[in-house]
Amino acid sequence: MTASFRLTLGLLSALALTACGDPAARYLLEPPTAQERMRLPVSTIELREVTLPVYASGSEIMLQGEDGALRPSDNAVWADDQVRAVTLSLARDIEAVSTATAAAEPWPLIDSPQVRVEVRIDRMVAQTDGVFRMSGQFAIASPGGAVRETLNRFDIAQPMAAGTPTAIADATSAAITTLARQIANRLSR
């Protein structure tokens, strides 16, 4: 077997493996743009793992049709496990919009966080009317009494530019940033 034949065979094998790969585009949750930070009475926040509805926790990017049915977008999936991505994005966004340091559980430092936030999302859907809706409840717990403990409902309606996977990913990121602002605002009282 000649060297050129082996090289050609190797290239053809690589092309064949690439052709068998997943053709779906993968979408990330993007960080927020720079913005003014809210001053909080706490310096450390632990975010518990966010709970999502089953339909929103899968890898498919879903769009609700006019008939109310949820269907996956063609050839488009989330780039990361959606529960992990939403949890890490929300922790990052809370830190971006406030003066506190935020991290997803488990808390990585020796000293305990001053506040723990738990978020339960019960609706997270891109609608064909051009709106991304995210609703649920967040709880603020403060074992040391740094802030008043509260339960808070949220209902976010984020406009979408279109029903494309890119627009859905952008609207999801924007809705998470809006939720981060609502949590920071509640902590600032």
N, C-alpha and C. Protein backbone atom coordinates (compact mmCIF):
# COMPACT_ATOMS: atom_id res chain seq x y z
N MET A 1 0.85 -1.17 0.00
CA MET A 1 0.00 0.00 0.00
C MET A 1 0.90 1.24 0.00
N THR A 2 0.70 2.13 -0.94
CA THR A 2 1.54 3.32 -1.04
C THR A 2 1.07 4.37 -0.05
N ALA A 3 1.96 5.33 0.21
CA ALA A 3 1.64 6.40 1.15
C ALA A 3 0.48 7.26 0.64
N SER A 4 0.44 7.53 -0.65
CA SER A 4 -0.64 8.36 -1.20
C SER A 4 -1.98 7.63 -1.12
N PHE A 5 -1.96 6.31 -1.31
CA PHE A 5 -3.19 5.53 -1.21
C PHE A 5 -3.71 5.55 0.23
N ARG A 6 -2.80 5.40 1.20
CA ARG A 6 -3.19 5.44 2.61
C ARG A 6 -3.76 6.81 2.98
N LEU A 7 -3.13 7.87 2.47
CA LEU A 7 -3.61 9.23 2.75
C LEU A 7 -5.01 9.42 2.17
N THR A 8 -5.21 8.98 0.94
CA THR A 8 -6.52 9.09 0.29
C THR A 8 -7.56 8.29 1.06
N LEU A 9 -7.21 7.07 1.47
CA LEU A 9 -8.13 6.24 2.23
C LEU A 9 -8.48 6.90 3.57
N GLY A 10 -7.49 7.49 4.23
CA GLY A 10 -7.73 8.18 5.50
C GLY A 10 -8.66 9.37 5.33
N LEU A 11 -8.46 10.16 4.27
CA LEU A 11 -9.32 11.31 4.02
C LEU A 11 -10.75 10.89 3.71
N LEU A 12 -10.90 9.84 2.92
CA LEU A 12 -12.24 9.33 2.60
C LEU A 12 -12.94 8.81 3.85
N SER A 13 -12.21 8.15 4.73
CA SER A 13 -12.79 7.66 5.98
C SER A 13 -13.26 8.82 6.85
N ALA A 14 -12.45 9.87 6.94
CA ALA A 14 -12.82 11.05 7.73
C ALA A 14 -14.06 11.71 7.16
N LEU A 15 -14.14 11.83 5.84
CA LEU A 15 -15.32 12.42 5.21
C LEU A 15 -16.56 11.57 5.46
N ALA A 16 -16.42 10.27 5.40
CA ALA A 16 -17.56 9.38 5.65
C ALA A 16 -18.06 9.52 7.08
N LEU A 17 -17.15 9.62 8.04
CA LEU A 17 -17.56 9.79 9.43
C LEU A 17 -18.25 11.13 9.63
N THR A 18 -17.74 12.18 8.99
CA THR A 18 -18.36 13.49 9.09
C THR A 18 -19.76 13.47 8.51
N ALA A 19 -19.95 12.79 7.39
CA ALA A 19 -21.26 12.72 6.75
C ALA A 19 -22.27 11.99 7.62
N CYS A 20 -21.82 11.07 8.46
CA CYS A 20 -22.72 10.31 9.33
C CYS A 20 -23.06 11.07 10.60
N GLY A 21 -22.42 12.20 10.83
CA GLY A 21 -22.62 12.94 12.07
C GLY A 21 -23.98 13.60 12.14
N ASP A 22 -24.28 14.18 13.27
CA ASP A 22 -25.54 14.86 13.52
C ASP A 22 -25.56 16.16 12.70
N PRO A 23 -26.53 16.33 11.79
CA PRO A 23 -26.58 17.51 10.95
C PRO A 23 -27.22 18.72 11.64
N ALA A 24 -27.74 18.56 12.83
CA ALA A 24 -28.47 19.64 13.49
C ALA A 24 -27.54 20.76 13.94
N ALA A 25 -27.99 21.98 13.74
CA ALA A 25 -27.27 23.15 14.26
C ALA A 25 -27.50 23.19 15.77
N ARG A 26 -26.50 23.63 16.51
CA ARG A 26 -26.59 23.68 17.97
C ARG A 26 -26.56 25.14 18.42
N TYR A 27 -27.43 25.48 19.38
CA TYR A 27 -27.60 26.87 19.81
C TYR A 27 -27.28 27.02 21.30
N LEU A 28 -26.58 28.10 21.62
CA LEU A 28 -26.17 28.42 22.99
C LEU A 28 -27.08 29.48 23.59
N LEU A 29 -27.10 29.56 24.90
CA LEU A 29 -27.72 30.67 25.61
C LEU A 29 -26.63 31.72 25.80
N GLU A 30 -26.82 32.88 25.22
CA GLU A 30 -25.79 33.92 25.22
C GLU A 30 -25.83 34.76 26.49
N PRO A 31 -24.66 35.28 26.91
CA PRO A 31 -24.62 36.15 28.10
C PRO A 31 -25.23 37.51 27.79
N PRO A 32 -25.66 38.23 28.83
CA PRO A 32 -26.25 39.55 28.60
C PRO A 32 -25.18 40.56 28.20
N THR A 33 -25.63 41.64 27.59
CA THR A 33 -24.71 42.73 27.27
C THR A 33 -24.44 43.50 28.56
N ALA A 34 -23.37 44.28 28.57
CA ALA A 34 -23.00 45.04 29.77
C ALA A 34 -24.16 45.96 30.16
N GLN A 35 -24.42 46.03 31.45
CA GLN A 35 -25.50 46.86 31.96
C GLN A 35 -25.20 47.33 33.37
N GLU A 36 -26.02 48.26 33.83
CA GLU A 36 -25.83 48.77 35.18
C GLU A 36 -26.13 47.67 36.19
N ARG A 37 -25.30 47.61 37.24
CA ARG A 37 -25.46 46.56 38.25
C ARG A 37 -26.20 47.10 39.47
N MET A 38 -27.15 46.30 39.98
CA MET A 38 -27.91 46.66 41.18
C MET A 38 -27.10 46.35 42.43
N ARG A 39 -27.11 47.29 43.37
CA ARG A 39 -26.42 47.06 44.64
C ARG A 39 -27.32 46.20 45.52
N LEU A 40 -26.75 45.09 46.02
CA LEU A 40 -27.50 44.17 46.87
C LEU A 40 -26.95 44.16 48.29
N PRO A 41 -27.79 43.85 49.28
CA PRO A 41 -27.33 43.78 50.67
C PRO A 41 -26.59 42.48 50.99
N VAL A 42 -26.43 41.61 50.01
CA VAL A 42 -25.69 40.35 50.19
C VAL A 42 -24.58 40.30 49.15
N SER A 43 -23.55 39.52 49.46
CA SER A 43 -22.42 39.43 48.52
C SER A 43 -22.31 38.06 47.85
N THR A 44 -23.02 37.05 48.39
CA THR A 44 -22.92 35.71 47.80
C THR A 44 -24.31 35.08 47.66
N ILE A 45 -24.53 34.48 46.48
CA ILE A 45 -25.82 33.86 46.16
C ILE A 45 -25.57 32.49 45.54
N GLU A 46 -26.22 31.47 46.10
CA GLU A 46 -26.18 30.14 45.50
C GLU A 46 -27.50 29.92 44.77
N LEU A 47 -27.41 29.50 43.51
CA LEU A 47 -28.59 29.17 42.73
C LEU A 47 -28.73 27.66 42.69
N ARG A 48 -29.85 27.17 43.21
CA ARG A 48 -30.14 25.73 43.13
C ARG A 48 -30.42 25.37 41.68
N GLU A 49 -30.33 24.09 41.36
CA GLU A 49 -30.61 23.65 39.99
C GLU A 49 -32.03 24.05 39.60
N VAL A 50 -32.15 24.75 38.49
CA VAL A 50 -33.45 25.21 38.00
C VAL A 50 -34.26 24.01 37.52
N THR A 51 -35.56 23.98 37.86
CA THR A 51 -36.42 22.93 37.34
C THR A 51 -37.17 23.47 36.12
N LEU A 52 -37.26 22.62 35.10
CA LEU A 52 -37.93 22.98 33.85
C LEU A 52 -39.02 21.97 33.56
N PRO A 53 -40.04 22.37 32.78
CA PRO A 53 -41.02 21.38 32.32
C PRO A 53 -40.31 20.35 31.43
N VAL A 54 -40.83 19.16 31.36
CA VAL A 54 -40.21 18.09 30.57
C VAL A 54 -39.97 18.53 29.13
N TYR A 55 -40.96 19.19 28.52
CA TYR A 55 -40.81 19.58 27.12
C TYR A 55 -39.70 20.61 26.91
N ALA A 56 -39.34 21.36 27.95
CA ALA A 56 -38.29 22.38 27.82
C ALA A 56 -36.93 21.86 28.25
N SER A 57 -36.88 20.68 28.84
CA SER A 57 -35.61 20.16 29.35
C SER A 57 -34.89 19.26 28.34
N GLY A 58 -35.53 18.97 27.24
CA GLY A 58 -34.91 18.13 26.21
C GLY A 58 -33.94 18.92 25.35
N SER A 59 -33.32 18.24 24.42
CA SER A 59 -32.34 18.89 23.55
C SER A 59 -32.99 19.62 22.38
N GLU A 60 -34.24 19.30 22.06
CA GLU A 60 -34.90 19.93 20.93
C GLU A 60 -35.31 21.36 21.26
N ILE A 61 -35.20 22.25 20.27
CA ILE A 61 -35.72 23.61 20.40
C ILE A 61 -37.17 23.55 19.94
N MET A 62 -38.08 23.83 20.86
CA MET A 62 -39.51 23.64 20.59
C MET A 62 -40.18 24.96 20.21
N LEU A 63 -41.20 24.85 19.36
CA LEU A 63 -42.03 25.97 18.94
C LEU A 63 -43.49 25.53 19.05
N GLN A 64 -44.30 26.36 19.70
CA GLN A 64 -45.72 26.04 19.85
C GLN A 64 -46.47 26.52 18.61
N GLY A 65 -47.17 25.62 17.96
CA GLY A 65 -47.93 25.96 16.77
C GLY A 65 -49.24 26.64 17.11
N GLU A 66 -49.92 27.12 16.09
CA GLU A 66 -51.21 27.78 16.28
C GLU A 66 -52.24 26.84 16.89
N ASP A 67 -52.06 25.55 16.69
CA ASP A 67 -52.98 24.56 17.27
C ASP A 67 -52.65 24.25 18.72
N GLY A 68 -51.60 24.87 19.26
CA GLY A 68 -51.21 24.65 20.65
C GLY A 68 -50.20 23.54 20.86
N ALA A 69 -49.95 22.75 19.83
CA ALA A 69 -49.00 21.63 19.94
C ALA A 69 -47.56 22.15 19.89
N LEU A 70 -46.71 21.51 20.67
CA LEU A 70 -45.28 21.83 20.66
C LEU A 70 -44.58 20.90 19.69
N ARG A 71 -43.79 21.50 18.80
CA ARG A 71 -43.06 20.71 17.81
C ARG A 71 -41.60 21.16 17.78
N PRO A 72 -40.68 20.22 17.56
CA PRO A 72 -39.27 20.60 17.49
C PRO A 72 -38.96 21.35 16.20
N SER A 73 -38.05 22.31 16.30
CA SER A 73 -37.56 23.02 15.12
C SER A 73 -36.74 22.05 14.28
N ASP A 74 -36.81 22.20 12.98
CA ASP A 74 -36.07 21.31 12.08
C ASP A 74 -34.57 21.54 12.21
N ASN A 75 -33.83 20.46 12.39
CA ASN A 75 -32.36 20.47 12.39
C ASN A 75 -31.76 21.51 13.34
N ALA A 76 -32.35 21.66 14.53
CA ALA A 76 -31.83 22.61 15.51
C ALA A 76 -32.02 22.04 16.91
N VAL A 77 -30.95 22.03 17.70
CA VAL A 77 -30.99 21.56 19.08
C VAL A 77 -30.18 22.50 19.95
N TRP A 78 -30.41 22.40 21.25
CA TRP A 78 -29.61 23.17 22.20
C TRP A 78 -28.20 22.59 22.26
N ALA A 79 -27.22 23.44 22.47
CA ALA A 79 -25.82 23.00 22.49
C ALA A 79 -25.45 22.31 23.80
N ASP A 80 -26.24 22.49 24.85
CA ASP A 80 -25.93 21.93 26.16
C ASP A 80 -27.21 21.34 26.75
N ASP A 81 -27.05 20.53 27.78
CA ASP A 81 -28.20 20.06 28.54
C ASP A 81 -28.98 21.29 29.00
N GLN A 82 -30.26 21.35 28.73
CA GLN A 82 -31.01 22.58 28.95
C GLN A 82 -31.14 22.95 30.42
N VAL A 83 -31.30 22.00 31.31
CA VAL A 83 -31.37 22.31 32.75
C VAL A 83 -30.05 22.93 33.20
N ARG A 84 -28.95 22.32 32.81
CA ARG A 84 -27.62 22.85 33.15
C ARG A 84 -27.42 24.23 32.55
N ALA A 85 -27.77 24.39 31.27
CA ALA A 85 -27.56 25.67 30.58
C ALA A 85 -28.37 26.80 31.22
N VAL A 86 -29.64 26.53 31.53
CA VAL A 86 -30.48 27.57 32.14
C VAL A 86 -29.96 27.91 33.54
N THR A 87 -29.59 26.90 34.32
CA THR A 87 -29.07 27.14 35.67
C THR A 87 -27.80 27.99 35.62
N LEU A 88 -26.84 27.59 34.80
CA LEU A 88 -25.57 28.33 34.72
C LEU A 88 -25.77 29.72 34.13
N SER A 89 -26.65 29.85 33.14
CA SER A 89 -26.93 31.16 32.55
C SER A 89 -27.58 32.09 33.56
N LEU A 90 -28.52 31.57 34.34
CA LEU A 90 -29.19 32.41 35.33
C LEU A 90 -28.21 32.85 36.42
N ALA A 91 -27.34 31.96 36.88
CA ALA A 91 -26.33 32.34 37.88
C ALA A 91 -25.41 33.41 37.30
N ARG A 92 -24.97 33.22 36.07
CA ARG A 92 -24.10 34.20 35.40
C ARG A 92 -24.81 35.54 35.26
N ASP A 93 -26.09 35.51 34.88
CA ASP A 93 -26.84 36.75 34.67
C ASP A 93 -27.13 37.46 35.98
N ILE A 94 -27.41 36.72 37.07
CA ILE A 94 -27.61 37.36 38.38
C ILE A 94 -26.35 38.12 38.77
N GLU A 95 -25.21 37.50 38.54
CA GLU A 95 -23.94 38.16 38.84
C GLU A 95 -23.72 39.37 37.94
N ALA A 96 -24.12 39.27 36.68
CA ALA A 96 -23.93 40.36 35.72
C ALA A 96 -24.79 41.58 36.04
N VAL A 97 -25.98 41.36 36.61
CA VAL A 97 -26.90 42.48 36.86
C VAL A 97 -26.83 42.99 38.30
N SER A 98 -26.00 42.36 39.14
CA SER A 98 -25.94 42.76 40.55
C SER A 98 -24.49 42.85 41.03
N THR A 99 -24.35 43.33 42.27
CA THR A 99 -23.02 43.43 42.88
C THR A 99 -22.61 42.16 43.60
N ALA A 100 -23.47 41.15 43.62
CA ALA A 100 -23.19 39.90 44.33
C ALA A 100 -22.45 38.91 43.44
N THR A 101 -21.75 37.99 44.07
CA THR A 101 -21.16 36.85 43.39
C THR A 101 -22.19 35.73 43.43
N ALA A 102 -22.46 35.14 42.27
CA ALA A 102 -23.46 34.07 42.20
C ALA A 102 -22.84 32.83 41.58
N ALA A 103 -23.26 31.67 42.07
CA ALA A 103 -22.78 30.40 41.53
C ALA A 103 -23.89 29.36 41.64
N ALA A 104 -23.90 28.45 40.68
CA ALA A 104 -24.85 27.34 40.72
C ALA A 104 -24.40 26.34 41.78
N GLU A 105 -25.38 25.62 42.34
CA GLU A 105 -25.03 24.60 43.33
C GLU A 105 -24.20 23.49 42.68
N PRO A 106 -23.38 22.82 43.40
CA PRO A 106 -23.06 23.01 44.81
C PRO A 106 -22.15 24.22 45.01
N TRP A 107 -22.34 24.92 46.12
CA TRP A 107 -21.57 26.12 46.43
C TRP A 107 -20.09 25.75 46.50
N PRO A 108 -19.23 26.43 45.73
CA PRO A 108 -17.84 26.00 45.61
C PRO A 108 -16.89 26.52 46.69
N LEU A 109 -17.35 27.39 47.58
CA LEU A 109 -16.45 27.99 48.58
C LEU A 109 -16.69 27.40 49.96
N ILE A 110 -15.72 27.61 50.85
CA ILE A 110 -15.83 27.08 52.22
C ILE A 110 -16.93 27.79 52.99
N ASP A 111 -16.94 29.14 52.94
CA ASP A 111 -17.99 29.89 53.63
C ASP A 111 -19.31 29.72 52.88
N SER A 112 -20.38 29.49 53.61
CA SER A 112 -21.70 29.30 53.00
C SER A 112 -22.18 30.58 52.34
N PRO A 113 -23.02 30.46 51.31
CA PRO A 113 -23.58 31.66 50.69
C PRO A 113 -24.57 32.34 51.63
N GLN A 114 -24.74 33.64 51.47
CA GLN A 114 -25.69 34.37 52.31
C GLN A 114 -27.13 34.10 51.90
N VAL A 115 -27.32 33.78 50.63
CA VAL A 115 -28.67 33.58 50.09
C VAL A 115 -28.67 32.37 49.17
N ARG A 116 -29.77 31.64 49.19
CA ARG A 116 -30.00 30.55 48.24
C ARG A 116 -31.26 30.88 47.45
N VAL A 117 -31.18 30.72 46.14
CA VAL A 117 -32.33 30.99 45.28
C VAL A 117 -32.72 29.69 44.59
N GLU A 118 -34.00 29.38 44.62
CA GLU A 118 -34.52 28.21 43.93
C GLU A 118 -35.55 28.68 42.91
N VAL A 119 -35.40 28.23 41.66
CA VAL A 119 -36.29 28.65 40.58
C VAL A 119 -36.99 27.42 40.00
N ARG A 120 -38.31 27.52 39.90
CA ARG A 120 -39.12 26.46 39.28
C ARG A 120 -39.88 27.09 38.11
N ILE A 121 -39.48 26.71 36.92
CA ILE A 121 -40.13 27.22 35.72
C ILE A 121 -41.23 26.24 35.33
N ASP A 122 -42.46 26.74 35.21
CA ASP A 122 -43.58 25.86 34.84
C ASP A 122 -44.03 26.03 33.40
N ARG A 123 -43.56 27.10 32.76
CA ARG A 123 -43.89 27.34 31.34
C ARG A 123 -42.70 28.01 30.68
N MET A 124 -42.25 27.44 29.58
CA MET A 124 -41.09 27.98 28.86
C MET A 124 -41.28 27.62 27.39
N VAL A 125 -41.92 28.53 26.65
CA VAL A 125 -42.34 28.16 25.29
C VAL A 125 -42.25 29.34 24.32
N ALA A 126 -41.76 29.04 23.12
CA ALA A 126 -41.77 30.00 22.02
C ALA A 126 -43.09 29.83 21.28
N GLN A 127 -43.80 30.92 21.11
CA GLN A 127 -45.12 30.86 20.48
C GLN A 127 -45.06 31.43 19.07
N THR A 128 -45.95 30.97 18.21
CA THR A 128 -45.96 31.45 16.82
C THR A 128 -46.41 32.90 16.71
N ASP A 129 -46.96 33.48 17.79
CA ASP A 129 -47.37 34.89 17.75
C ASP A 129 -46.19 35.83 17.97
N GLY A 130 -44.96 35.28 18.02
CA GLY A 130 -43.77 36.11 18.16
C GLY A 130 -43.41 36.44 19.59
N VAL A 131 -43.91 35.67 20.55
CA VAL A 131 -43.62 35.90 21.96
C VAL A 131 -43.04 34.63 22.57
N PHE A 132 -41.98 34.80 23.35
CA PHE A 132 -41.42 33.70 24.14
C PHE A 132 -41.92 33.91 25.56
N ARG A 133 -42.59 32.91 26.13
CA ARG A 133 -43.15 33.03 27.48
C ARG A 133 -42.39 32.13 28.45
N MET A 134 -42.09 32.70 29.59
CA MET A 134 -41.43 31.94 30.66
C MET A 134 -42.09 32.37 31.97
N SER A 135 -42.65 31.40 32.69
CA SER A 135 -43.30 31.71 33.96
C SER A 135 -42.97 30.64 34.98
N GLY A 136 -43.19 31.00 36.24
CA GLY A 136 -42.93 30.07 37.32
C GLY A 136 -42.82 30.80 38.64
N GLN A 137 -41.94 30.30 39.49
CA GLN A 137 -41.80 30.83 40.84
C GLN A 137 -40.35 30.75 41.26
N PHE A 138 -39.89 31.77 42.00
CA PHE A 138 -38.57 31.67 42.62
C PHE A 138 -38.68 31.93 44.11
N ALA A 139 -37.86 31.22 44.86
CA ALA A 139 -37.83 31.34 46.32
C ALA A 139 -36.46 31.86 46.73
N ILE A 140 -36.47 32.79 47.66
CA ILE A 140 -35.23 33.33 48.22
C ILE A 140 -35.15 32.86 49.66
N ALA A 141 -34.12 32.09 49.97
CA ALA A 141 -33.89 31.60 51.33
C ALA A 141 -32.62 32.23 51.87
N SER A 142 -32.66 32.64 53.12
CA SER A 142 -31.51 33.27 53.75
C SER A 142 -31.32 32.68 55.14
N PRO A 143 -30.61 31.54 55.22
CA PRO A 143 -30.46 30.85 56.51
C PRO A 143 -29.91 31.75 57.62
N GLY A 144 -29.05 32.69 57.28
CA GLY A 144 -28.48 33.58 58.29
C GLY A 144 -29.27 34.85 58.51
N GLY A 145 -30.37 35.02 57.81
CA GLY A 145 -31.21 36.20 57.99
C GLY A 145 -30.69 37.46 57.32
N ALA A 146 -29.85 37.34 56.31
CA ALA A 146 -29.30 38.52 55.63
C ALA A 146 -30.38 39.31 54.89
N VAL A 147 -31.39 38.61 54.38
CA VAL A 147 -32.53 39.26 53.72
C VAL A 147 -33.80 38.51 54.12
N ARG A 148 -34.94 39.14 53.87
CA ARG A 148 -36.22 38.49 54.17
C ARG A 148 -36.47 37.37 53.16
N GLU A 149 -36.89 36.21 53.64
CA GLU A 149 -37.18 35.09 52.76
C GLU A 149 -38.54 35.32 52.09
N THR A 150 -38.59 35.00 50.78
CA THR A 150 -39.82 35.25 50.03
C THR A 150 -40.05 34.19 48.96
N LEU A 151 -41.31 34.06 48.57
CA LEU A 151 -41.72 33.29 47.39
C LEU A 151 -42.28 34.29 46.39
N ASN A 152 -41.86 34.20 45.14
CA ASN A 152 -42.24 35.19 44.15
C ASN A 152 -42.62 34.52 42.84
N ARG A 153 -43.73 34.94 42.24
CA ARG A 153 -44.14 34.44 40.93
C ARG A 153 -43.55 35.35 39.87
N PHE A 154 -43.31 34.78 38.69
CA PHE A 154 -42.87 35.60 37.56
C PHE A 154 -43.57 35.11 36.30
N ASP A 155 -43.78 36.03 35.39
CA ASP A 155 -44.39 35.73 34.09
C ASP A 155 -43.75 36.69 33.09
N ILE A 156 -42.85 36.19 32.29
CA ILE A 156 -42.07 37.01 31.37
C ILE A 156 -42.54 36.74 29.95
N ALA A 157 -42.86 37.81 29.23
CA ALA A 157 -43.23 37.73 27.81
C ALA A 157 -42.14 38.47 27.03
N GLN A 158 -41.31 37.73 26.35
CA GLN A 158 -40.17 38.29 25.62
C GLN A 158 -40.47 38.26 24.12
N PRO A 159 -40.49 39.44 23.45
CA PRO A 159 -40.73 39.43 22.00
C PRO A 159 -39.63 38.66 21.27
N MET A 160 -40.04 37.96 20.21
CA MET A 160 -39.10 37.23 19.35
C MET A 160 -39.12 37.87 17.97
N ALA A 161 -37.96 37.95 17.35
CA ALA A 161 -37.87 38.53 16.01
C ALA A 161 -38.55 37.64 14.97
N ALA A 162 -38.53 36.33 15.19
CA ALA A 162 -39.12 35.36 14.25
C ALA A 162 -39.29 34.04 15.00
N GLY A 163 -39.76 33.03 14.30
CA GLY A 163 -39.90 31.71 14.90
C GLY A 163 -38.74 30.80 14.59
N THR A 164 -37.58 31.38 14.30
CA THR A 164 -36.39 30.60 13.95
C THR A 164 -35.66 30.14 15.20
N PRO A 165 -34.85 29.10 15.11
CA PRO A 165 -34.07 28.67 16.28
C PRO A 165 -33.18 29.79 16.84
N THR A 166 -32.58 30.60 15.98
CA THR A 166 -31.74 31.71 16.45
C THR A 166 -32.57 32.69 17.26
N ALA A 167 -33.75 33.05 16.77
CA ALA A 167 -34.62 33.99 17.48
C ALA A 167 -35.11 33.39 18.79
N ILE A 168 -35.41 32.10 18.80
CA ILE A 168 -35.84 31.43 20.03
C ILE A 168 -34.71 31.42 21.05
N ALA A 169 -33.50 31.12 20.62
CA ALA A 169 -32.34 31.12 21.53
C ALA A 169 -32.10 32.53 22.08
N ASP A 170 -32.19 33.55 21.22
CA ASP A 170 -32.00 34.93 21.68
C ASP A 170 -33.08 35.33 22.68
N ALA A 171 -34.33 34.97 22.40
CA ALA A 171 -35.43 35.30 23.31
C ALA A 171 -35.30 34.55 24.64
N THR A 172 -34.85 33.30 24.59
CA THR A 172 -34.62 32.53 25.81
C THR A 172 -33.57 33.21 26.67
N SER A 173 -32.45 33.60 26.05
CA SER A 173 -31.38 34.30 26.78
C SER A 173 -31.90 35.60 27.39
N ALA A 174 -32.66 36.37 26.62
CA ALA A 174 -33.20 37.64 27.12
C ALA A 174 -34.18 37.42 28.27
N ALA A 175 -35.01 36.38 28.19
CA ALA A 175 -35.96 36.08 29.27
C ALA A 175 -35.21 35.68 30.54
N ILE A 176 -34.14 34.93 30.41
CA ILE A 176 -33.34 34.54 31.58
C ILE A 176 -32.71 35.77 32.21
N THR A 177 -32.22 36.71 31.40
CA THR A 177 -31.66 37.95 31.93
C THR A 177 -32.74 38.77 32.63
N THR A 178 -33.94 38.81 32.09
CA THR A 178 -35.05 39.52 32.74
C THR A 178 -35.36 38.88 34.09
N LEU A 179 -35.37 37.56 34.15
CA LEU A 179 -35.59 36.87 35.43
C LEU A 179 -34.46 37.19 36.41
N ALA A 180 -33.24 37.23 35.95
CA ALA A 180 -32.11 37.59 36.82
C ALA A 180 -32.31 38.99 37.41
N ARG A 181 -32.79 39.93 36.59
CA ARG A 181 -33.06 41.29 37.08
C ARG A 181 -34.18 41.27 38.12
N GLN A 182 -35.22 40.47 37.89
CA GLN A 182 -36.32 40.39 38.85
C GLN A 182 -35.84 39.82 40.19
N ILE A 183 -34.99 38.81 40.14
CA ILE A 183 -34.44 38.22 41.37
C ILE A 183 -33.57 39.24 42.09
N ALA A 184 -32.69 39.92 41.35
CA ALA A 184 -31.82 40.94 41.95
C ALA A 184 -32.65 42.08 42.53
N ASN A 185 -33.69 42.50 41.82
CA ASN A 185 -34.55 43.57 42.31
C ASN A 185 -35.23 43.16 43.62
N ARG A 186 -35.69 41.92 43.69
CA ARG A 186 -36.32 41.43 44.92
C ARG A 186 -35.32 41.38 46.07
N LEU A 187 -34.09 40.98 45.77
CA LEU A 187 -33.05 40.94 46.81
C LEU A 187 -32.64 42.33 47.28
N SER A 188 -32.81 43.34 46.44
CA SER A 188 -32.37 44.69 46.79
C SER A 188 -33.31 45.39 47.76
N ARG A 189 -34.50 44.85 47.99
CA ARG A 189 -35.48 45.50 48.88
C ARG A 189 -35.18 45.26 50.33
